[in-house]
């Protein structure tokens, strides 16, 4: 139980206990958002600085990790506004749903060979780079849901969004990354597209909904054309690669620096 009341020294003890319990998770979130240790370190320090400033809003009523993720997500938005390179145009979800036939890939997944291993490593590198270039509005839901393993409800609570909005942003992020992971695949030929674009879009929407809720999406072979099969495979590979993104523990120097800063707050609370 984290103490939340009493004299300033107890507040600082509580903040340090919170950091000891969850500092690694905030650092991991920063790494996975931007694949940049410098950004991750800044996010940790910004998050716990604001946790100190807003301690009276916590008071033990929320789950500590949910509260910290909420602070971290807002800090990420502020920090990202200071970065260059955010995309000026965001493709509509409908456009992504109806242009997925362009992604066709021939990458095999079964009976992994040395070549397959090399391909997976390349996929991981492309995916990590692609995640860091997504607009932060889509990157945060993706990382929280797909990589941190939170539920749609939890992500919506953290980001202050409706669950339907979270799902729409997840769909767009997954489709964008699915297209990225198949970069270099051969173009789809006309005879491989045996369904209408509307049929394929409906199938893809169903798959994305199933992924959002973490449930299987069985499909009868006769209901799917070759182009859609490649697209669904790309989405599955994207999910698998996301779950395998490595991370690193909080650097000892950063841990000591944050704890020292939190202790220094004792006289100013």
Protein backbone atom coordinates (compact mmCIF):
# COMPACT_ATOMS: atom_id res chain seq x y z
CA UNK A 1 0.00 0.00 0.00
CA UNK A 2 1.48 3.35 -1.03
CA UNK A 3 1.00 6.01 1.67
CA UNK A 4 -0.73 9.09 0.35
CA UNK A 5 -1.36 11.20 3.43
CA UNK A 6 0.66 12.72 6.21
CA UNK A 7 3.67 14.95 6.42
CA UNK A 8 5.90 15.81 3.42
CA UNK A 9 8.49 13.15 4.23
CA UNK A 10 5.88 10.42 3.90
CA UNK A 11 4.80 11.86 0.56
CA UNK A 12 8.35 11.63 -0.72
CA UNK A 13 8.66 8.07 0.61
CA UNK A 14 5.49 7.25 -1.30
CA UNK A 15 6.83 8.82 -4.50
CA UNK A 16 10.08 6.88 -4.21
CA UNK A 17 8.12 3.67 -3.59
CA UNK A 18 6.01 4.42 -6.67
CA UNK A 19 9.14 5.00 -8.72
CA UNK A 20 10.77 1.79 -7.47
CA UNK A 21 7.65 -0.16 -8.42
CA UNK A 22 6.89 1.42 -11.79
CA UNK A 23 9.87 3.42 -13.04
CA UNK A 24 11.00 0.55 -15.26
CA UNK A 25 7.55 0.39 -16.89
CA UNK A 26 7.56 4.11 -17.72
CA UNK A 27 11.08 3.81 -19.16
CA UNK A 28 9.98 0.82 -21.24
CA UNK A 29 7.02 2.81 -22.52
CA UNK A 30 9.33 5.62 -23.61
CA UNK A 31 11.66 3.21 -25.42
CA UNK A 32 8.81 1.57 -27.24
CA UNK A 33 7.23 4.87 -28.21
CA UNK A 34 10.34 6.30 -29.84
CA UNK A 35 13.10 3.66 -29.82
CA UNK A 36 15.26 6.40 -28.31
CA UNK A 37 16.92 6.02 -24.87
CA UNK A 38 17.25 9.80 -24.55
CA UNK A 39 13.51 10.28 -25.05
CA UNK A 40 12.78 7.45 -22.59
CA UNK A 41 14.94 9.05 -19.91
CA UNK A 42 13.27 12.43 -20.43
CA UNK A 43 9.83 10.80 -20.23
CA UNK A 44 10.67 9.11 -16.91
CA UNK A 45 11.86 12.36 -15.36
CA UNK A 46 8.93 14.38 -16.72
CA UNK A 47 6.42 11.77 -15.55
CA UNK A 48 7.64 11.60 -11.96
CA UNK A 49 8.11 15.36 -11.75
CA UNK A 50 4.46 15.78 -12.68
CA UNK A 51 3.46 12.93 -10.36
CA UNK A 52 4.97 14.99 -7.54
CA UNK A 53 3.19 18.15 -8.65
CA UNK A 54 -0.16 16.34 -8.94
CA UNK A 55 0.17 14.04 -5.95
CA UNK A 56 -3.00 15.40 -4.33
CA UNK A 57 -4.99 14.22 -7.39
CA UNK A 58 -3.91 10.62 -6.84
CA UNK A 59 -4.72 9.92 -3.17
CA UNK A 60 -4.83 6.18 -3.79
CA UNK A 61 -8.10 6.32 -5.71
CA UNK A 62 -6.58 5.09 -8.99
CA UNK A 63 -4.39 2.16 -9.86
CA UNK A 64 -0.82 3.50 -9.61
CA UNK A 65 0.19 2.21 -13.05
CA UNK A 66 -2.92 3.63 -14.72
CA UNK A 67 -2.27 7.01 -13.10
CA UNK A 68 1.37 7.04 -14.18
CA UNK A 69 0.56 5.94 -17.74
CA UNK A 70 -1.97 8.78 -17.92
CA UNK A 71 0.67 11.30 -16.83
CA UNK A 72 3.23 9.74 -19.20
CA UNK A 73 0.88 9.84 -22.19
CA UNK A 74 0.18 13.54 -21.65
CA UNK A 75 3.88 14.22 -21.21
CA UNK A 76 4.56 12.34 -24.43
CA UNK A 77 2.13 14.57 -26.33
CA UNK A 78 3.86 17.68 -24.99
CA UNK A 79 7.33 16.34 -25.75
CA UNK A 80 6.33 15.24 -29.25
CA UNK A 81 5.06 18.71 -30.10
CA UNK A 82 8.64 19.84 -29.69
CA UNK A 83 9.87 17.29 -32.20
CA UNK A 84 9.93 17.76 -35.96
CA UNK A 85 8.70 15.23 -38.46
CA UNK A 86 5.09 14.60 -37.50
CA UNK A 87 3.18 13.71 -40.67
CA UNK A 88 1.11 16.54 -42.14
CA UNK A 89 -1.43 14.23 -43.75
CA UNK A 90 -3.08 11.33 -41.95
CA UNK A 91 -4.60 8.79 -44.30
CA UNK A 92 -8.29 8.10 -43.65
CA UNK A 93 -9.00 4.63 -42.28
CA UNK A 94 -11.28 3.94 -45.25
CA UNK A 95 -8.37 4.61 -47.61
CA UNK A 96 -6.12 2.18 -45.78
CA UNK A 97 -8.86 -0.46 -45.79
CA UNK A 98 -9.29 -0.31 -49.56
CA UNK A 99 -5.66 -0.06 -50.66
CA UNK A 100 -4.23 -3.02 -48.77
CA UNK A 101 -3.99 -5.10 -51.95
CA UNK A 102 -0.86 -3.11 -52.77
CA UNK A 103 1.07 -4.71 -49.91
CA UNK A 104 1.42 -8.26 -51.23
CA UNK A 105 4.43 -10.03 -49.65
CA UNK A 106 6.05 -13.41 -50.24
CA UNK A 107 7.84 -13.66 -46.89
CA UNK A 108 7.47 -17.18 -45.45
CA UNK A 109 6.96 -17.83 -41.75
CA UNK A 110 7.14 -21.63 -41.42
CA UNK A 111 10.25 -23.78 -40.99
CA UNK A 112 12.47 -20.80 -40.31
CA UNK A 113 15.79 -20.88 -42.13
CA UNK A 114 18.76 -18.52 -41.76
CA UNK A 115 17.13 -16.41 -44.45
CA UNK A 116 13.86 -16.32 -42.48
CA UNK A 117 15.76 -15.21 -39.40
CA UNK A 118 17.40 -12.39 -41.36
CA UNK A 119 14.02 -11.35 -42.72
CA UNK A 120 12.50 -11.25 -39.24
CA UNK A 121 15.37 -9.09 -38.02
CA UNK A 122 14.78 -6.71 -40.92
CA UNK A 123 11.05 -6.67 -40.18
CA UNK A 124 11.73 -5.79 -36.55
CA UNK A 125 14.05 -2.94 -37.54
CA UNK A 126 11.50 -1.55 -40.03
CA UNK A 127 8.68 -1.89 -37.54
CA UNK A 128 10.51 -0.14 -34.72
CA UNK A 129 11.39 2.70 -37.07
CA UNK A 130 7.81 2.85 -38.36
CA UNK A 131 6.33 2.99 -34.85
CA UNK A 132 8.50 6.00 -34.01
CA UNK A 133 7.20 7.88 -37.07
CA UNK A 134 3.50 7.26 -36.43
CA UNK A 135 1.59 10.32 -35.30
CA UNK A 136 1.61 10.22 -31.50
CA UNK A 137 -2.22 10.02 -31.44
CA UNK A 138 -1.93 6.58 -33.06
CA UNK A 139 1.38 5.54 -31.55
CA UNK A 140 0.23 5.75 -27.94
CA UNK A 141 -2.82 3.46 -28.32
CA UNK A 142 -0.75 0.98 -30.32
CA UNK A 143 2.07 0.78 -27.77
CA UNK A 144 -0.26 0.64 -24.77
CA UNK A 145 -2.49 -2.05 -26.29
CA UNK A 146 -0.27 -4.09 -28.61
CA UNK A 147 3.06 -3.89 -26.79
CA UNK A 148 2.21 -3.14 -23.15
CA UNK A 149 -0.75 -5.53 -23.24
CA UNK A 150 -3.43 -3.25 -21.76
CA UNK A 151 -7.12 -3.67 -22.58
CA UNK A 152 -9.12 -1.30 -24.78
CA UNK A 153 -10.91 -0.06 -21.68
CA UNK A 154 -7.64 0.65 -19.86
CA UNK A 155 -6.16 2.46 -22.86
CA UNK A 156 -9.32 4.57 -23.20
CA UNK A 157 -9.14 5.50 -19.51
CA UNK A 158 -5.46 6.44 -19.71
CA UNK A 159 -5.84 8.54 -22.87
CA UNK A 160 -9.20 10.06 -21.93
CA UNK A 161 -10.85 8.74 -25.10
CA UNK A 162 -13.94 6.74 -25.96
CA UNK A 163 -13.26 3.05 -26.50
CA UNK A 164 -14.52 3.34 -30.09
CA UNK A 165 -11.97 6.07 -30.76
CA UNK A 166 -9.17 3.92 -29.33
CA UNK A 167 -10.15 1.05 -31.61
CA UNK A 168 -10.25 3.28 -34.69
CA UNK A 169 -6.79 4.62 -33.94
CA UNK A 170 -5.50 1.11 -33.31
CA UNK A 171 -6.90 -0.04 -36.65
CA UNK A 172 -5.16 2.78 -38.49
CA UNK A 173 -1.87 2.16 -36.70
CA UNK A 174 -1.97 -1.57 -37.41
CA UNK A 175 -2.79 -1.08 -41.07
CA UNK A 176 0.01 1.44 -41.46
CA UNK A 177 2.51 -0.91 -39.82
CA UNK A 178 1.22 -3.90 -41.77
CA UNK A 179 1.95 -2.07 -44.97
CA UNK A 180 5.42 -1.16 -43.67
CA UNK A 181 6.32 -4.70 -42.67
CA UNK A 182 5.62 -5.95 -46.20
CA UNK A 183 7.75 -3.28 -47.83
CA UNK A 184 9.51 -4.77 -50.83
CA UNK A 185 6.85 -7.40 -51.50
CA UNK A 186 5.76 -7.94 -55.08
CA UNK A 187 2.66 -6.16 -56.45
CA UNK A 188 -0.62 -8.04 -56.41
CA UNK A 189 -1.78 -9.26 -59.82
CA UNK A 190 -5.37 -8.82 -60.96
CA UNK A 191 -6.19 -12.54 -60.89
CA UNK A 192 -5.28 -12.67 -57.18
CA UNK A 193 -8.00 -10.17 -56.26
CA UNK A 194 -11.08 -12.34 -56.54
CA UNK A 195 -13.38 -10.31 -54.29
CA UNK A 196 -14.67 -6.76 -54.47
CA UNK A 197 -12.87 -4.06 -52.54
CA UNK A 198 -15.94 -3.76 -50.31
CA UNK A 199 -15.85 -7.47 -49.46
CA UNK A 200 -12.15 -7.33 -48.71
CA UNK A 201 -12.56 -4.18 -46.60
CA UNK A 202 -15.32 -5.86 -44.57
CA UNK A 203 -13.10 -8.88 -44.00
CA UNK A 204 -10.23 -6.68 -42.92
CA UNK A 205 -12.46 -4.70 -40.55
CA UNK A 206 -13.55 -7.96 -38.92
CA UNK A 207 -9.94 -9.01 -38.47
CA UNK A 208 -9.00 -5.68 -36.91
CA UNK A 209 -11.94 -5.84 -34.49
CA UNK A 210 -10.89 -9.33 -33.43
CA UNK A 211 -7.32 -8.17 -32.87
CA UNK A 212 -8.52 -5.22 -30.79
CA UNK A 213 -10.34 -7.60 -28.44
CA UNK A 214 -7.69 -10.32 -28.49
CA UNK A 215 -9.96 -13.02 -29.91
CA UNK A 216 -9.44 -15.43 -32.83
CA UNK A 217 -10.76 -14.58 -36.29
CA UNK A 218 -11.28 -17.90 -38.12
CA UNK A 219 -11.83 -17.61 -41.87
CA UNK A 220 -12.98 -20.24 -44.33
CA UNK A 221 -10.47 -20.59 -47.16
CA UNK A 222 -13.08 -20.08 -49.85
CA UNK A 223 -14.01 -16.71 -48.36
CA UNK A 224 -10.59 -15.13 -48.78
CA UNK A 225 -8.65 -14.12 -51.86
CA UNK A 226 -4.87 -14.30 -52.17
CA UNK A 227 -4.44 -10.56 -51.69
CA UNK A 228 -6.47 -10.54 -48.46
CA UNK A 229 -4.63 -13.61 -47.22
CA UNK A 230 -1.33 -11.74 -47.59
CA UNK A 231 -2.76 -8.71 -45.79
CA UNK A 232 -4.08 -10.70 -42.83
CA UNK A 233 -0.77 -12.51 -42.61
CA UNK A 234 1.02 -9.14 -42.51
CA UNK A 235 -1.20 -7.99 -39.62
CA UNK A 236 -0.45 -11.17 -37.68
CA UNK A 237 3.26 -10.78 -38.27
CA UNK A 238 3.07 -7.16 -37.17
CA UNK A 239 1.40 -8.25 -33.92
CA UNK A 240 4.03 -10.94 -33.36
CA UNK A 241 6.92 -8.59 -34.06
CA UNK A 242 5.43 -5.96 -31.73
CA UNK A 243 5.24 -8.49 -28.90
CA UNK A 244 8.89 -9.37 -29.47
CA UNK A 245 10.28 -5.84 -29.36
CA UNK A 246 13.12 -5.96 -26.82
CA UNK A 247 13.62 -3.41 -24.10
CA UNK A 248 16.23 -2.55 -21.51
CA UNK A 249 16.09 -1.93 -17.76
CA UNK A 250 16.11 1.55 -16.31
CA UNK A 251 19.74 2.76 -16.28
CA UNK A 252 21.23 2.79 -12.78
CA UNK A 253 22.42 6.38 -13.20
CA UNK A 254 18.92 7.54 -14.15
CA UNK A 255 17.38 5.62 -11.25
CA UNK A 256 19.74 7.28 -8.76
CA UNK A 257 19.14 10.72 -10.29
CA UNK A 258 15.34 10.46 -10.13
CA UNK A 259 15.35 9.15 -6.55
CA UNK A 260 17.66 11.98 -5.49
CA UNK A 261 15.33 14.51 -7.14
CA UNK A 262 12.27 13.00 -5.44
CA UNK A 263 14.04 13.13 -2.07
CA UNK A 264 14.89 16.79 -2.65
CA UNK A 265 11.17 17.56 -2.95
CA UNK A 266 10.76 16.82 0.78
CA UNK A 267 11.47 20.35 1.81
CA UNK A 268 9.24 21.87 -0.88
CA UNK A 269 6.03 19.88 -0.47
